[in-house]
Amino acid sequence: MNEYQSISNLEEIIKLSKESINDNYKLNFSIKVNFDIALIDNKILDVHDDALAFQAPKCPNNLQMNHGEYIHKNKDGIKNVINELNAKDTSNRAIISLINQDDIIGSGDKPIPSFMILQFSIENDNELYVTTYFRALEVSKFLRINVEEIRMIIEKIKSEILKISKVNLNILAFRAYKKENINPLKRAEIDLLKSNEIFGLLKTNKSKFIDLLEEKKTKSTVIEYQSFQYIFDWLNDSYSKDDIHKDINKLLVKSKFQELIELSKEIKDLREKTSHSPQIDEKQEKYIKLIDDITMEIRNDS
């Protein structure tokens, strides 16, 4: 019996993964699929740019962390796999290891790759076997990016090893879960702004300011709240606060930002103790509600 499920579209990987997980999470997750190598030519267009960013040798400024900086930390990890496979089809060293023990010990809640290992072998002369391992895997949103990354890596291997006609892909994760509105390690635009740039928004661009706050509503494993502190400080600055747009310069808005800062600290502290808990979910829902309250007050919709 063939343990690999044949697919005709890479989207099926995401679909099958989502169907296999309930509302909580699944330990020792595994999905095995096989497909014709021709599928590798089909980009997952909606996440292709995200995958490019995650595979870039240098982490882009708008990501908390990416995979390419680990893959290419010393030398070209993908090229090394190609060299290994060219030298010996069934090499046990055709492997990409993204992180080592030094990256893990003492890392606390610092972002490090969940995407940890990719291993390759060519069997039966023309079948590429690919096994990947994740320490944690969000299957509704993040897996789409990961599958596109895997596709891109296989595409590079295929371009150098022309005899490959079939791919057998095994995706393993210690913990797999679904969180549709997760932020895939993208830094919100407002967190990229300096204090004086935020002050400019507070003075003259109420609409843009609201849009940037709305972007902060996605649930993230990395908690950044310095931008909230900048806003709170400007609202309390005795010399500058009168220059701030009247719909933003309100006591209720100020008090809500103070709550938001304290809540962000609580979530950050909690995430350092546990990765998954009802408490985190409850506090994140409260966090989103606070941002909604602030934007509603600024819009004068209350």
C-alpha atoms as a PDB file:
ATOM      1  CA  MET A   1       0.000   0.000   0.000  1.00  0.00           C
ATOM      2  CA  ASN A   2       1.353   3.438  -0.974  1.00  0.00           C
ATOM      3  CA  GLU A   3       1.542   5.591   2.163  1.00  0.00           C
ATOM      4  CA  TYR A   4       1.899   8.766   0.090  1.00  0.00           C
ATOM      5  CA  GLN A   5      -1.261  10.453  -1.193  1.00  0.00           C
ATOM      6  CA  SER A   6      -1.094  11.585  -4.811  1.00  0.00           C
ATOM      7  CA  ILE A   7      -1.988  15.229  -5.424  1.00  0.00           C
ATOM      8  CA  SER A   8      -2.446  17.286  -8.576  1.00  0.00           C
ATOM      9  CA  ASN A   9      -2.147  20.729  -6.957  1.00  0.00           C
ATOM     10  CA  LEU A  10       0.082  22.021  -4.147  1.00  0.00           C
ATOM     11  CA  GLU A  11      -2.981  23.684  -2.601  1.00  0.00           C
ATOM     12  CA  GLU A  12      -4.110  20.189  -1.609  1.00  0.00           C
ATOM     13  CA  ILE A  13      -1.311  20.049   0.966  1.00  0.00           C
ATOM     14  CA  ILE A  14      -2.834  22.969   2.867  1.00  0.00           C
ATOM     15  CA  LYS A  15      -6.357  21.591   2.484  1.00  0.00           C
ATOM     16  CA  LEU A  16      -5.417  18.132   3.767  1.00  0.00           C
ATOM     17  CA  SER A  17      -3.450  19.614   6.661  1.00  0.00           C
ATOM     18  CA  LYS A  18      -6.319  21.845   7.791  1.00  0.00           C
ATOM     19  CA  GLU A  19      -8.767  18.954   7.605  1.00  0.00           C
ATOM     20  CA  SER A  20      -6.578  16.800   9.834  1.00  0.00           C
ATOM     21  CA  ILE A  21      -6.553  19.237  12.773  1.00  0.00           C
ATOM     22  CA  ASN A  22      -9.404  20.142  15.090  1.00  0.00           C
ATOM     23  CA  ASP A  23      -9.876  23.457  16.897  1.00  0.00           C
ATOM     24  CA  ASN A  24      -6.984  22.740  19.276  1.00  0.00           C
ATOM     25  CA  TYR A  25      -3.703  21.297  17.984  1.00  0.00           C
ATOM     26  CA  LYS A  26      -2.203  17.990  16.909  1.00  0.00           C
ATOM     27  CA  LEU A  27       1.032  16.489  18.186  1.00  0.00           C
ATOM     28  CA  ASN A  28       3.336  14.469  15.923  1.00  0.00           C
ATOM     29  CA  PHE A  29       1.600  15.781  12.823  1.00  0.00           C
ATOM     30  CA  SER A  30       2.559  14.188   9.509  1.00  0.00           C
ATOM     31  CA  ILE A  31       1.324  14.484   5.966  1.00  0.00           C
ATOM     32  CA  LYS A  32       2.795  12.555   3.041  1.00  0.00           C
ATOM     33  CA  VAL A  33       2.067  13.460  -0.569  1.00  0.00           C
ATOM     34  CA  ASN A  34       3.578  12.677  -3.941  1.00  0.00           C
ATOM     35  CA  PHE A  35       3.284  14.517  -7.222  1.00  0.00           C
ATOM     36  CA  ASP A  36       4.761  14.929 -10.665  1.00  0.00           C
ATOM     37  CA  ILE A  37       7.796  17.210 -10.744  1.00  0.00           C
ATOM     38  CA  ALA A  38       5.943  19.439 -13.233  1.00  0.00           C
ATOM     39  CA  LEU A  39       3.881  20.814 -10.310  1.00  0.00           C
ATOM     40  CA  ILE A  40       6.986  22.585  -9.081  1.00  0.00           C
ATOM     41  CA  ASP A  41       6.604  25.079 -11.938  1.00  0.00           C
ATOM     42  CA  ASN A  42       3.339  26.372 -10.419  1.00  0.00           C
ATOM     43  CA  LYS A  43       3.940  29.149  -7.895  1.00  0.00           C
ATOM     44  CA  ILE A  44       1.527  29.705  -5.018  1.00  0.00           C
ATOM     45  CA  LEU A  45       1.048  33.253  -6.202  1.00  0.00           C
ATOM     46  CA  ASP A  46      -0.620  34.851  -3.182  1.00  0.00           C
ATOM     47  CA  VAL A  47       2.342  34.007  -0.914  1.00  0.00           C
ATOM     48  CA  HIS A  48       5.197  33.932  -3.440  1.00  0.00           C
ATOM     49  CA  ASP A  49       6.569  37.333  -2.390  1.00  0.00           C
ATOM     50  CA  ASP A  50       6.332  36.295   1.278  1.00  0.00           C
ATOM     51  CA  ALA A  51       8.245  33.093   0.522  1.00  0.00           C
ATOM     52  CA  LEU A  52      10.916  35.080  -1.342  1.00  0.00           C
ATOM     53  CA  ALA A  53      11.316  37.278   1.738  1.00  0.00           C
ATOM     54  CA  PHE A  54      11.603  34.257   4.025  1.00  0.00           C
ATOM     55  CA  GLN A  55      14.216  32.691   1.728  1.00  0.00           C
ATOM     56  CA  ALA A  56      16.298  35.853   1.308  1.00  0.00           C
ATOM     57  CA  PRO A  57      19.909  35.396   2.491  1.00  0.00           C
ATOM     58  CA  LYS A  58      19.529  38.565   4.582  1.00  0.00           C
ATOM     59  CA  CYS A  59      16.422  39.046   6.699  1.00  0.00           C
ATOM     60  CA  PRO A  60      14.272  41.931   5.389  1.00  0.00           C
ATOM     61  CA  ASN A  61      13.545  44.721   7.844  1.00  0.00           C
ATOM     62  CA  ASN A  62       9.802  44.010   7.818  1.00  0.00           C
ATOM     63  CA  LEU A  63      10.194  40.448   9.135  1.00  0.00           C
ATOM     64  CA  GLN A  64      10.914  39.421  12.711  1.00  0.00           C
ATOM     65  CA  MET A  65      13.091  36.591  11.386  1.00  0.00           C
ATOM     66  CA  ASN A  66      13.510  34.693   8.146  1.00  0.00           C
ATOM     67  CA  HIS A  67      14.776  31.286   7.035  1.00  0.00           C
ATOM     68  CA  GLY A  68      17.288  32.297   4.388  1.00  0.00           C
ATOM     69  CA  GLU A  69      19.642  33.915   6.902  1.00  0.00           C
ATOM     70  CA  TYR A  70      19.916  30.526   8.637  1.00  0.00           C
ATOM     71  CA  ILE A  71      20.066  28.427   5.443  1.00  0.00           C
ATOM     72  CA  HIS A  72      22.918  30.556   4.091  1.00  0.00           C
ATOM     73  CA  LYS A  73      24.555  31.444   7.417  1.00  0.00           C
ATOM     74  CA  ASN A  74      27.930  29.987   6.453  1.00  0.00           C
ATOM     75  CA  LYS A  75      27.608  28.831   2.830  1.00  0.00           C
ATOM     76  CA  ASP A  76      24.818  28.233   0.305  1.00  0.00           C
ATOM     77  CA  GLY A  77      22.818  25.458   1.995  1.00  0.00           C
ATOM     78  CA  ILE A  78      20.731  24.662  -1.080  1.00  0.00           C
ATOM     79  CA  LYS A  79      23.776  24.440  -3.340  1.00  0.00           C
ATOM     80  CA  ASN A  80      25.335  22.049  -0.853  1.00  0.00           C
ATOM     81  CA  VAL A  81      22.281  19.756  -1.116  1.00  0.00           C
ATOM     82  CA  ILE A  82      22.562  19.790  -4.916  1.00  0.00           C
ATOM     83  CA  ASN A  83      26.266  18.935  -4.706  1.00  0.00           C
ATOM     84  CA  GLU A  84      25.568  16.061  -2.318  1.00  0.00           C
ATOM     85  CA  LEU A  85      22.840  14.610  -4.537  1.00  0.00           C
ATOM     86  CA  ASN A  86      25.003  14.939  -7.641  1.00  0.00           C
ATOM     87  CA  ALA A  87      27.804  13.075  -5.870  1.00  0.00           C
ATOM     88  CA  LYS A  88      25.580  10.384  -4.362  1.00  0.00           C
ATOM     89  CA  ASP A  89      21.825  10.016  -5.001  1.00  0.00           C
ATOM     90  CA  THR A  90      21.087   8.475  -1.613  1.00  0.00           C
ATOM     91  CA  SER A  91      23.404  10.630   0.472  1.00  0.00           C
ATOM     92  CA  ASN A  92      22.385  11.005   4.114  1.00  0.00           C
ATOM     93  CA  ARG A  93      24.032  14.424   4.136  1.00  0.00           C
ATOM     94  CA  ALA A  94      21.793  16.140   1.588  1.00  0.00           C
ATOM     95  CA  ILE A  95      20.303  18.112   4.428  1.00  0.00           C
ATOM     96  CA  ILE A  96      19.561  21.702   5.412  1.00  0.00           C
ATOM     97  CA  SER A  97      19.631  22.325   9.157  1.00  0.00           C
ATOM     98  CA  LEU A  98      18.391  25.814   9.888  1.00  0.00           C
ATOM     99  CA  ILE A  99      19.369  26.127  13.543  1.00  0.00           C
ATOM    100  CA  ASN A 100      21.753  24.556  16.022  1.00  0.00           C
ATOM    101  CA  GLN A 101      21.724  24.199  19.783  1.00  0.00           C
ATOM    102  CA  ASP A 102      23.359  27.592  20.294  1.00  0.00           C
ATOM    103  CA  ASP A 103      20.345  29.231  18.610  1.00  0.00           C
ATOM    104  CA  ILE A 104      17.979  27.482  21.016  1.00  0.00           C
ATOM    105  CA  ILE A 105      19.649  27.668  24.436  1.00  0.00           C
ATOM    106  CA  GLY A 106      18.778  30.901  26.202  1.00  0.00           C
ATOM    107  CA  SER A 107      16.663  32.145  23.286  1.00  0.00           C
ATOM    108  CA  GLY A 108      13.642  32.756  25.524  1.00  0.00           C
ATOM    109  CA  ASP A 109      10.859  34.071  23.302  1.00  0.00           C
ATOM    110  CA  LYS A 110      13.220  35.483  20.669  1.00  0.00           C
ATOM    111  CA  PRO A 111      12.047  34.516  17.150  1.00  0.00           C
ATOM    112  CA  ILE A 112      13.881  31.473  15.798  1.00  0.00           C
ATOM    113  CA  PRO A 113      12.803  29.220  12.918  1.00  0.00           C
ATOM    114  CA  SER A 114      10.066  26.672  13.472  1.00  0.00           C
ATOM    115  CA  PHE A 115      11.111  25.345  10.061  1.00  0.00           C
ATOM    116  CA  MET A 116      14.140  23.370  11.266  1.00  0.00           C
ATOM    117  CA  ILE A 117      15.204  20.633   8.835  1.00  0.00           C
ATOM    118  CA  LEU A 118      14.882  19.659   5.180  1.00  0.00           C
ATOM    119  CA  GLN A 119      16.420  16.415   3.959  1.00  0.00           C
ATOM    120  CA  PHE A 120      16.603  15.057   0.425  1.00  0.00           C
ATOM    121  CA  SER A 121      17.402  11.832  -1.369  1.00  0.00           C
ATOM    122  CA  ILE A 122      16.977  10.499  -4.891  1.00  0.00           C
ATOM    123  CA  GLU A 123      15.579   6.976  -4.974  1.00  0.00           C
ATOM    124  CA  ASN A 124      14.767   4.674  -7.901  1.00  0.00           C
ATOM    125  CA  ASP A 125      16.954   6.893 -10.076  1.00  0.00           C
ATOM    126  CA  ASN A 126      14.369   9.659 -10.603  1.00  0.00           C
ATOM    127  CA  GLU A 127      12.241  10.103  -7.435  1.00  0.00           C
ATOM    128  CA  LEU A 128      13.121  12.981  -5.127  1.00  0.00           C
ATOM    129  CA  TYR A 129      12.277  12.287  -1.491  1.00  0.00           C
ATOM    130  CA  VAL A 130      11.875  15.368   0.681  1.00  0.00           C
ATOM    131  CA  THR A 131      11.349  15.283   4.446  1.00  0.00           C
ATOM    132  CA  THR A 132      10.811  18.474   6.427  1.00  0.00           C
ATOM    133  CA  TYR A 133      10.528  18.952  10.179  1.00  0.00           C
ATOM    134  CA  PHE A 134       8.904  21.819  12.088  1.00  0.00           C
ATOM    135  CA  ARG A 135       8.961  22.310  15.841  1.00  0.00           C
ATOM    136  CA  ALA A 136       5.600  24.070  15.436  1.00  0.00           C
ATOM    137  CA  LEU A 137       3.466  24.586  12.349  1.00  0.00           C
ATOM    138  CA  GLU A 138       0.436  26.814  11.759  1.00  0.00           C
ATOM    139  CA  VAL A 139      -1.366  25.105   8.870  1.00  0.00           C
ATOM    140  CA  SER A 140      -3.923  27.618   7.603  1.00  0.00           C
ATOM    141  CA  LYS A 141      -1.723  30.633   6.848  1.00  0.00           C
ATOM    142  CA  PHE A 142       1.933  29.941   7.603  1.00  0.00           C
ATOM    143  CA  LEU A 143       2.008  26.532   5.906  1.00  0.00           C
ATOM    144  CA  ARG A 144       1.081  28.222   2.611  1.00  0.00           C
ATOM    145  CA  ILE A 145       4.301  30.226   2.813  1.00  0.00           C
ATOM    146  CA  ASN A 146       6.305  27.161   3.886  1.00  0.00           C
ATOM    147  CA  VAL A 147       4.980  25.061   0.999  1.00  0.00           C
ATOM    148  CA  GLU A 148       5.944  27.816  -1.440  1.00  0.00           C
ATOM    149  CA  GLU A 149       9.418  27.922   0.143  1.00  0.00           C
ATOM    150  CA  ILE A 150       9.724  24.144  -0.268  1.00  0.00           C
ATOM    151  CA  ARG A 151       8.552  24.465  -3.880  1.00  0.00           C
ATOM    152  CA  MET A 152      11.207  27.109  -4.547  1.00  0.00           C
ATOM    153  CA  ILE A 153      13.967  24.937  -3.062  1.00  0.00           C
ATOM    154  CA  ILE A 154      12.868  21.871  -5.043  1.00  0.00           C
ATOM    155  CA  GLU A 155      12.726  24.061  -8.172  1.00  0.00           C
ATOM    156  CA  LYS A 156      16.418  24.932  -7.662  1.00  0.00           C
ATOM    157  CA  ILE A 157      17.296  21.258  -7.201  1.00  0.00           C
ATOM    158  CA  LYS A 158      15.288  20.291 -10.290  1.00  0.00           C
ATOM    159  CA  SER A 159      17.100  22.902 -12.399  1.00  0.00           C
ATOM    160  CA  GLU A 160      20.428  21.188 -11.628  1.00  0.00           C
ATOM    161  CA  ILE A 161      19.315  17.546 -11.534  1.00  0.00           C
ATOM    162  CA  LEU A 162      17.235  17.028 -14.651  1.00  0.00           C
ATOM    163  CA  LYS A 163      16.416  13.343 -14.173  1.00  0.00           C
ATOM    164  CA  ILE A 164      13.940  13.977 -11.316  1.00  0.00           C
ATOM    165  CA  SER A 165      10.396  13.168 -12.449  1.00  0.00           C
ATOM    166  CA  LYS A 166       8.516  12.673  -9.178  1.00  0.00           C
ATOM    167  CA  VAL A 167       8.504  14.163  -5.676  1.00  0.00           C
ATOM    168  CA  ASN A 168       7.628  12.363  -2.442  1.00  0.00           C
ATOM    169  CA  LEU A 169       7.130  14.968   0.261  1.00  0.00           C
ATOM    170  CA  ASN A 170       6.767  14.245   3.979  1.00  0.00           C
ATOM    171  CA  ILE A 171       5.949  17.191   6.266  1.00  0.00           C
ATOM    172  CA  LEU A 172       6.439  16.502   9.974  1.00  0.00           C
ATOM    173  CA  ALA A 173       5.669  18.796  12.892  1.00  0.00           C
ATOM    174  CA  PHE A 174       5.889  18.224  16.621  1.00  0.00           C
ATOM    175  CA  ARG A 175       2.865  20.492  17.099  1.00  0.00           C
ATOM    176  CA  ALA A 176       0.525  21.611  14.311  1.00  0.00           C
ATOM    177  CA  TYR A 177      -2.373  23.998  14.826  1.00  0.00           C
ATOM    178  CA  LYS A 178      -4.804  26.344  13.068  1.00  0.00           C
ATOM    179  CA  LYS A 179      -4.979  30.093  13.673  1.00  0.00           C
ATOM    180  CA  GLU A 180      -6.493  31.861  10.670  1.00  0.00           C
ATOM    181  CA  ASN A 181      -5.632  35.414  11.750  1.00  0.00           C
ATOM    182  CA  ILE A 182      -2.045  34.735  12.818  1.00  0.00           C
ATOM    183  CA  ASN A 183       0.617  37.217  11.812  1.00  0.00           C
ATOM    184  CA  PRO A 184       3.336  35.249   9.956  1.00  0.00           C
ATOM    185  CA  LEU A 185       6.217  37.109  11.635  1.00  0.00           C
ATOM    186  CA  LYS A 186       5.644  40.286   9.644  1.00  0.00           C
ATOM    187  CA  ARG A 187       6.447  43.504  11.457  1.00  0.00           C
ATOM    188  CA  ALA A 188       3.537  45.929  11.359  1.00  0.00           C
ATOM    189  CA  GLU A 189       4.248  49.135   9.462  1.00  0.00           C
ATOM    190  CA  ILE A 190       3.725  51.256  12.567  1.00  0.00           C
ATOM    191  CA  ASP A 191       6.488  49.305  14.352  1.00  0.00           C
ATOM    192  CA  LEU A 192       8.931  50.335  11.632  1.00  0.00           C
ATOM    193  CA  LEU A 193       8.294  54.041  12.249  1.00  0.00           C
ATOM    194  CA  LYS A 194      10.434  56.303  14.410  1.00  0.00           C
ATOM    195  CA  SER A 195       8.891  58.372  17.194  1.00  0.00           C
ATOM    196  CA  ASN A 196       8.891  61.613  15.164  1.00  0.00           C
ATOM    197  CA  GLU A 197       7.263  59.823  12.185  1.00  0.00           C
ATOM    198  CA  ILE A 198       4.463  58.629  14.437  1.00  0.00           C
ATOM    199  CA  PHE A 199       4.036  62.173  15.720  1.00  0.00           C
ATOM    200  CA  GLY A 200       3.578  63.333  12.129  1.00  0.00           C
ATOM    201  CA  LEU A 201       0.711  60.866  11.722  1.00  0.00           C
ATOM    202  CA  LEU A 202      -0.881  61.971  14.982  1.00  0.00           C
ATOM    203  CA  LYS A 203      -0.880  65.562  13.723  1.00  0.00           C
ATOM    204  CA  THR A 204      -1.981  65.300  10.121  1.00  0.00           C
ATOM    205  CA  ASN A 205      -3.015  61.818   8.990  1.00  0.00           C
ATOM    206  CA  LYS A 206      -5.827  60.417  11.103  1.00  0.00           C
ATOM    207  CA  SER A 207      -6.962  58.004   8.386  1.00  0.00           C
ATOM    208  CA  LYS A 208      -3.481  56.481   7.908  1.00  0.00           C
ATOM    209  CA  PHE A 209      -3.023  56.255  11.668  1.00  0.00           C
ATOM    210  CA  ILE A 210      -6.243  54.220  11.972  1.00  0.00           C
ATOM    211  CA  ASP A 211      -5.142  51.906   9.149  1.00  0.00           C
ATOM    212  CA  LEU A 212      -1.823  51.238  10.900  1.00  0.00           C
ATOM    213  CA  LEU A 213      -3.587  50.463  14.169  1.00  0.00           C
ATOM    214  CA  GLU A 214      -5.917  48.038  12.369  1.00  0.00           C
ATOM    215  CA  GLU A 215      -2.861  46.183  11.037  1.00  0.00           C
ATOM    216  CA  LYS A 216      -1.785  45.520  14.652  1.00  0.00           C
ATOM    217  CA  LYS A 217      -4.899  43.422  15.292  1.00  0.00           C
ATOM    218  CA  THR A 218      -3.444  40.170  13.941  1.00  0.00           C
ATOM    219  CA  LYS A 219      -2.338  37.623  16.536  1.00  0.00           C
ATOM    220  CA  SER A 220       1.413  37.306  16.699  1.00  0.00           C
ATOM    221  CA  THR A 221       3.912  35.115  18.486  1.00  0.00           C
ATOM    222  CA  VAL A 222       6.174  38.179  18.759  1.00  0.00           C
ATOM    223  CA  ILE A 223       4.855  41.086  20.808  1.00  0.00           C
ATOM    224  CA  GLU A 224       5.997  44.584  19.811  1.00  0.00           C
ATOM    225  CA  TYR A 225       4.515  47.557  21.616  1.00  0.00           C
ATOM    226  CA  GLN A 226       7.149  50.311  21.378  1.00  0.00           C
ATOM    227  CA  SER A 227       4.953  52.121  18.844  1.00  0.00           C
ATOM    228  CA  PHE A 228       2.125  52.222  21.424  1.00  0.00           C
ATOM    229  CA  GLN A 229       4.566  53.715  23.916  1.00  0.00           C
ATOM    230  CA  TYR A 230       5.575  56.410  21.415  1.00  0.00           C
ATOM    231  CA  ILE A 231       1.907  57.272  20.881  1.00  0.00           C
ATOM    232  CA  PHE A 232       1.175  57.377  24.609  1.00  0.00           C
ATOM    233  CA  ASP A 233       4.226  59.572  25.238  1.00  0.00           C
ATOM    234  CA  TRP A 234       3.199  62.066  22.542  1.00  0.00           C
ATOM    235  CA  LEU A 235      -0.345  62.209  23.915  1.00  0.00           C
ATOM    236  CA  ASN A 236       1.149  63.112  27.302  1.00  0.00           C
ATOM    237  CA  ASP A 237       3.780  65.536  26.051  1.00  0.00           C
ATOM    238  CA  SER A 238       2.819  68.946  27.439  1.00  0.00           C
ATOM    239  CA  TYR A 239       4.584  70.823  24.621  1.00  0.00           C
ATOM    240  CA  SER A 240       3.278  68.835  21.660  1.00  0.00           C
ATOM    241  CA  LYS A 241      -0.063  67.303  22.543  1.00  0.00           C
ATOM    242  CA  ASP A 242      -2.039  70.349  21.400  1.00  0.00           C
ATOM    243  CA  ASP A 243      -0.694  69.814  17.859  1.00  0.00           C
ATOM    244  CA  ILE A 244      -2.245  66.338  17.689  1.00  0.00           C
ATOM    245  CA  HIS A 245      -5.465  65.831  15.721  1.00  0.00           C
ATOM    246  CA  LYS A 246      -8.434  66.565  17.975  1.00  0.00           C
ATOM    247  CA  ASP A 247     -10.035  63.156  17.300  1.00  0.00           C
ATOM    248  CA  ILE A 248      -6.891  61.413  18.561  1.00  0.00           C
ATOM    249  CA  ASN A 249      -6.076  63.809  21.396  1.00  0.00           C
ATOM    250  CA  LYS A 250      -8.759  62.498  23.767  1.00  0.00           C
ATOM    251  CA  LEU A 251      -8.561  61.313  27.367  1.00  0.00           C
ATOM    252  CA  LEU A 252     -10.285  58.035  26.498  1.00  0.00           C
ATOM    253  CA  VAL A 253      -7.823  57.329  23.670  1.00  0.00           C
ATOM    254  CA  LYS A 254      -4.928  58.058  26.013  1.00  0.00           C
ATOM    255  CA  SER A 255      -6.260  55.742  28.729  1.00  0.00           C
ATOM    256  CA  LYS A 256      -6.915  52.960  26.198  1.00  0.00           C
ATOM    257  CA  PHE A 257      -3.337  53.181  24.954  1.00  0.00           C
ATOM    258  CA  GLN A 258      -2.118  52.873  28.534  1.00  0.00           C
ATOM    259  CA  GLU A 259      -4.229  49.723  28.901  1.00  0.00           C
ATOM    260  CA  LEU A 260      -2.913  48.434  25.574  1.00  0.00           C
ATOM    261  CA  ILE A 261       0.714  48.859  26.664  1.00  0.00           C
ATOM    262  CA  GLU A 262       0.124  47.055  29.960  1.00  0.00           C
ATOM    263  CA  LEU A 263      -1.788  44.256  28.236  1.00  0.00           C
ATOM    264  CA  SER A 264       0.966  43.851  25.615  1.00  0.00           C
ATOM    265  CA  LYS A 265       3.498  43.443  28.427  1.00  0.00           C
ATOM    266  CA  GLU A 266       1.280  40.823  30.070  1.00  0.00           C
ATOM    267  CA  ILE A 267       0.970  38.852  26.821  1.00  0.00           C
ATOM    268  CA  LYS A 268       4.718  39.070  26.242  1.00  0.00           C
ATOM    269  CA  ASP A 269       5.442  37.816  29.769  1.00  0.00           C
ATOM    270  CA  LEU A 270       2.894  35.028  29.400  1.00  0.00           C
ATOM    271  CA  ARG A 271       4.312  33.916  26.064  1.00  0.00           C
ATOM    272  CA  GLU A 272       7.703  33.518  27.742  1.00  0.00           C
ATOM    273  CA  LYS A 273       6.100  30.921  30.037  1.00  0.00           C
ATOM    274  CA  THR A 274       3.871  29.070  27.558  1.00  0.00           C
ATOM    275  CA  SER A 275       3.292  28.939  23.811  1.00  0.00           C
ATOM    276  CA  HIS A 276      -0.332  27.783  23.893  1.00  0.00           C
ATOM    277  CA  SER A 277      -2.891  28.536  26.587  1.00  0.00           C
ATOM    278  CA  PRO A 278      -6.459  29.804  26.982  1.00  0.00           C
ATOM    279  CA  GLN A 279      -5.010  32.757  28.918  1.00  0.00           C
ATOM    280  CA  ILE A 280      -3.039  33.910  25.881  1.00  0.00           C
ATOM    281  CA  ASP A 281      -6.091  33.568  23.653  1.00  0.00           C
ATOM    282  CA  GLU A 282      -8.224  35.484  26.151  1.00  0.00           C
ATOM    283  CA  LYS A 283      -5.719  38.325  26.475  1.00  0.00           C
ATOM    284  CA  GLN A 284      -5.229  38.530  22.698  1.00  0.00           C
ATOM    285  CA  GLU A 285      -8.975  38.884  22.216  1.00  0.00           C
ATOM    286  CA  LYS A 286      -8.949  41.693  24.786  1.00  0.00           C
ATOM    287  CA  TYR A 287      -5.995  43.267  22.952  1.00  0.00           C
ATOM    288  CA  ILE A 288      -7.947  43.277  19.665  1.00  0.00           C
ATOM    289  CA  LYS A 289     -11.002  44.717  21.440  1.00  0.00           C
ATOM    290  CA  LEU A 290      -8.895  47.575  22.851  1.00  0.00           C
ATOM    291  CA  ILE A 291      -7.634  48.502  19.376  1.00  0.00           C
ATOM    292  CA  ASP A 292     -11.228  48.408  18.105  1.00  0.00           C
ATOM    293  CA  ASP A 293     -12.274  50.699  20.958  1.00  0.00           C
ATOM    294  CA  ILE A 294      -9.497  53.157  20.129  1.00  0.00           C
ATOM    295  CA  THR A 295     -10.212  53.285  16.388  1.00  0.00           C
ATOM    296  CA  MET A 296     -13.938  53.649  17.064  1.00  0.00           C
ATOM    297  CA  GLU A 297     -13.304  56.588  19.368  1.00  0.00           C
ATOM    298  CA  ILE A 298     -10.964  58.260  16.850  1.00  0.00           C
ATOM    299  CA  ARG A 299     -13.512  57.783  14.067  1.00  0.00           C
ATOM    300  CA  ASN A 300     -16.199  59.251  16.342  1.00  0.00           C
ATOM    301  CA  ASP A 301     -18.309  56.122  15.766  1.00  0.00           C
ATOM    302  CA  SER A 302     -18.998  55.561  19.443  1.00  0.00           C
END
